[in-house]
Amino acid sequence: MPGEACRHAGNFVPRAHRRCATWRSWNAVRPCFYFVGMSKLPSRLDLLELDIDLRLTDLWRETAEVSEWNLEVVAAFLRAAYGKGYCDALTEDAPGSLCHEHGYRIPDRKPEKRAA
C-alpha cells in the first residue's frame, strides 16, 4: 500500500524509501530520509546535547582511533567524559552557566557538612 509506514530501529520510514542503500545497511545509524519527521527548530535538549558534544570534541576524535570496543574501553571513555565535565564545571566563570544558558534550573548546592 503506497505511503504505508514500516517501523525499523525506532524510525518510521515509508516503504518506497526502504530501497535506499542506507536503509538496507545494518551499519547505518539512521535510515535515509530520517529527517522527514524532524522538527524545524532544535529543542533546548538538542542544543544542550550539541553544546556538550562540542565540549567533548577531543574524546569524540579519540573514539575513531579505537579498533576494538569492549566494556573496559567504553568504561574508560565514560570516566574521561565525566572527568571532563567535572573539570569544566569547576572552571566555569559563573557556576551553573551551562544550565542557565540552556534554560534549565541551576541545581542547589548540597549544604557543607560541619566538622565535629
Protein backbone atom coordinates (compact mmCIF):
# COMPACT_ATOMS: atom_id res chain seq x y z
CA MET A 1 0.00 0.00 0.00
CA PRO A 2 1.56 3.37 -1.00
CA GLY A 3 2.72 5.51 1.90
CA GLU A 4 2.41 2.63 4.37
CA ALA A 5 4.94 3.08 7.16
CA CYS A 6 7.25 0.39 8.45
CA ARG A 7 8.96 0.52 11.83
CA HIS A 8 12.70 -0.16 11.92
CA ALA A 9 15.22 0.86 14.60
CA GLY A 10 12.73 3.27 16.14
CA ASN A 11 12.18 5.24 12.92
CA PHE A 12 9.13 5.30 10.65
CA VAL A 13 10.13 5.18 7.01
CA PRO A 14 7.78 4.85 4.03
CA ARG A 15 8.19 1.56 2.14
CA ALA A 16 9.28 3.42 -1.02
CA HIS A 17 12.28 4.82 0.85
CA ARG A 18 13.44 1.38 2.03
CA ARG A 19 15.02 0.77 -1.38
CA CYS A 20 17.73 3.26 -0.41
CA ALA A 21 21.16 1.67 0.20
CA THR A 22 21.41 3.34 3.61
CA TRP A 23 18.08 1.81 4.64
CA ARG A 24 19.24 -1.71 3.78
CA SER A 25 22.58 -1.28 5.54
CA TRP A 26 22.67 -2.80 9.02
CA ASN A 27 25.58 -0.49 9.86
CA ALA A 28 23.53 2.68 9.33
CA VAL A 29 22.76 4.73 12.41
CA ARG A 30 19.65 6.14 10.76
CA PRO A 31 17.86 5.09 7.60
CA CYS A 32 17.81 7.56 4.72
CA PHE A 33 15.12 10.22 4.90
CA TYR A 34 15.11 10.08 8.72
CA PHE A 35 14.98 13.87 8.66
CA VAL A 36 11.46 13.88 7.17
CA GLY A 37 9.91 13.75 10.65
CA MET A 38 12.43 16.06 12.31
CA SER A 39 11.39 19.36 13.83
CA LYS A 40 12.44 22.53 12.01
CA LEU A 41 13.78 24.06 15.23
CA PRO A 42 16.02 22.21 17.67
CA SER A 43 14.69 21.71 21.19
CA ARG A 44 16.61 23.05 24.17
CA LEU A 45 17.68 19.45 24.88
CA ASP A 46 19.08 19.20 21.33
CA LEU A 47 21.03 22.41 21.90
CA LEU A 48 22.33 21.18 25.26
CA GLU A 49 23.45 17.90 23.68
CA LEU A 50 25.25 19.83 20.93
CA ASP A 51 26.97 22.07 23.48
CA ILE A 52 28.14 19.01 25.45
CA ASP A 53 29.30 17.25 22.26
CA LEU A 54 31.36 20.31 21.34
CA ARG A 55 32.98 20.23 24.78
CA LEU A 56 33.84 16.56 24.22
CA THR A 57 35.33 17.01 20.74
CA ASP A 58 38.72 15.60 21.74
CA LEU A 59 37.11 12.47 23.18
CA TRP A 60 34.93 12.02 20.08
CA ARG A 61 38.07 12.27 17.94
CA GLU A 62 39.77 9.56 20.00
CA THR A 63 36.84 7.16 19.53
CA ALA A 64 37.68 6.98 15.82
CA GLU A 65 41.09 5.56 16.72
CA VAL A 66 39.70 2.67 18.77
CA SER A 67 39.94 -0.55 16.78
CA GLU A 68 38.32 -2.92 19.25
CA TRP A 69 35.47 -1.85 21.51
CA ASN A 70 34.81 -3.68 24.73
CA LEU A 71 33.40 -2.88 28.15
CA GLU A 72 36.75 -1.66 29.51
CA VAL A 73 37.22 0.81 26.63
CA VAL A 74 33.66 2.14 26.99
CA ALA A 75 34.14 2.49 30.76
CA ALA A 76 37.36 4.44 30.17
CA PHE A 77 35.58 6.86 27.83
CA LEU A 78 32.71 7.29 30.30
CA ARG A 79 35.18 8.12 33.08
CA ALA A 80 37.03 10.54 30.81
CA ALA A 81 33.78 12.29 29.82
CA TYR A 82 32.68 12.53 33.46
CA GLY A 83 36.08 13.93 34.46
CA LYS A 84 36.00 16.45 31.61
CA GLY A 85 32.54 17.62 32.69
CA TYR A 86 33.67 17.87 36.31
CA CYS A 87 36.71 19.97 35.37
CA ASP A 88 34.59 22.18 33.09
CA ALA A 89 32.14 22.77 35.94
CA LEU A 90 34.95 23.74 38.33
CA THR A 91 36.44 26.21 35.87
CA GLU A 92 33.23 27.92 34.70
CA ASP A 93 33.29 31.69 35.13
CA ALA A 94 29.79 31.57 36.60
CA PRO A 95 28.81 28.28 38.26
CA GLY A 96 25.72 26.85 36.61
CA SER A 97 26.11 28.86 33.40
CA LEU A 98 25.62 25.78 31.18
CA CYS A 99 22.23 25.11 32.78
CA HIS A 100 21.31 28.80 32.70
CA GLU A 101 22.27 29.26 29.02
CA HIS A 102 20.00 26.38 28.00
CA GLY A 103 17.04 27.34 30.16
CA TYR A 104 17.43 24.68 32.84
CA ARG A 105 17.15 25.24 36.58
CA ILE A 106 20.51 25.51 38.30
CA PRO A 107 20.62 22.74 40.93
CA ASP A 108 21.05 23.81 44.53
CA ARG A 109 24.36 23.03 46.17
CA LYS A 110 24.39 20.45 48.92
CA PRO A 111 24.98 22.02 52.34
CA GLU A 112 28.51 21.54 53.62
CA LYS A 113 28.95 19.12 56.49
CA ARG A 114 30.44 20.73 59.58
CA ALA A 115 33.44 19.11 61.18
CA ALA A 116 32.65 17.73 64.63
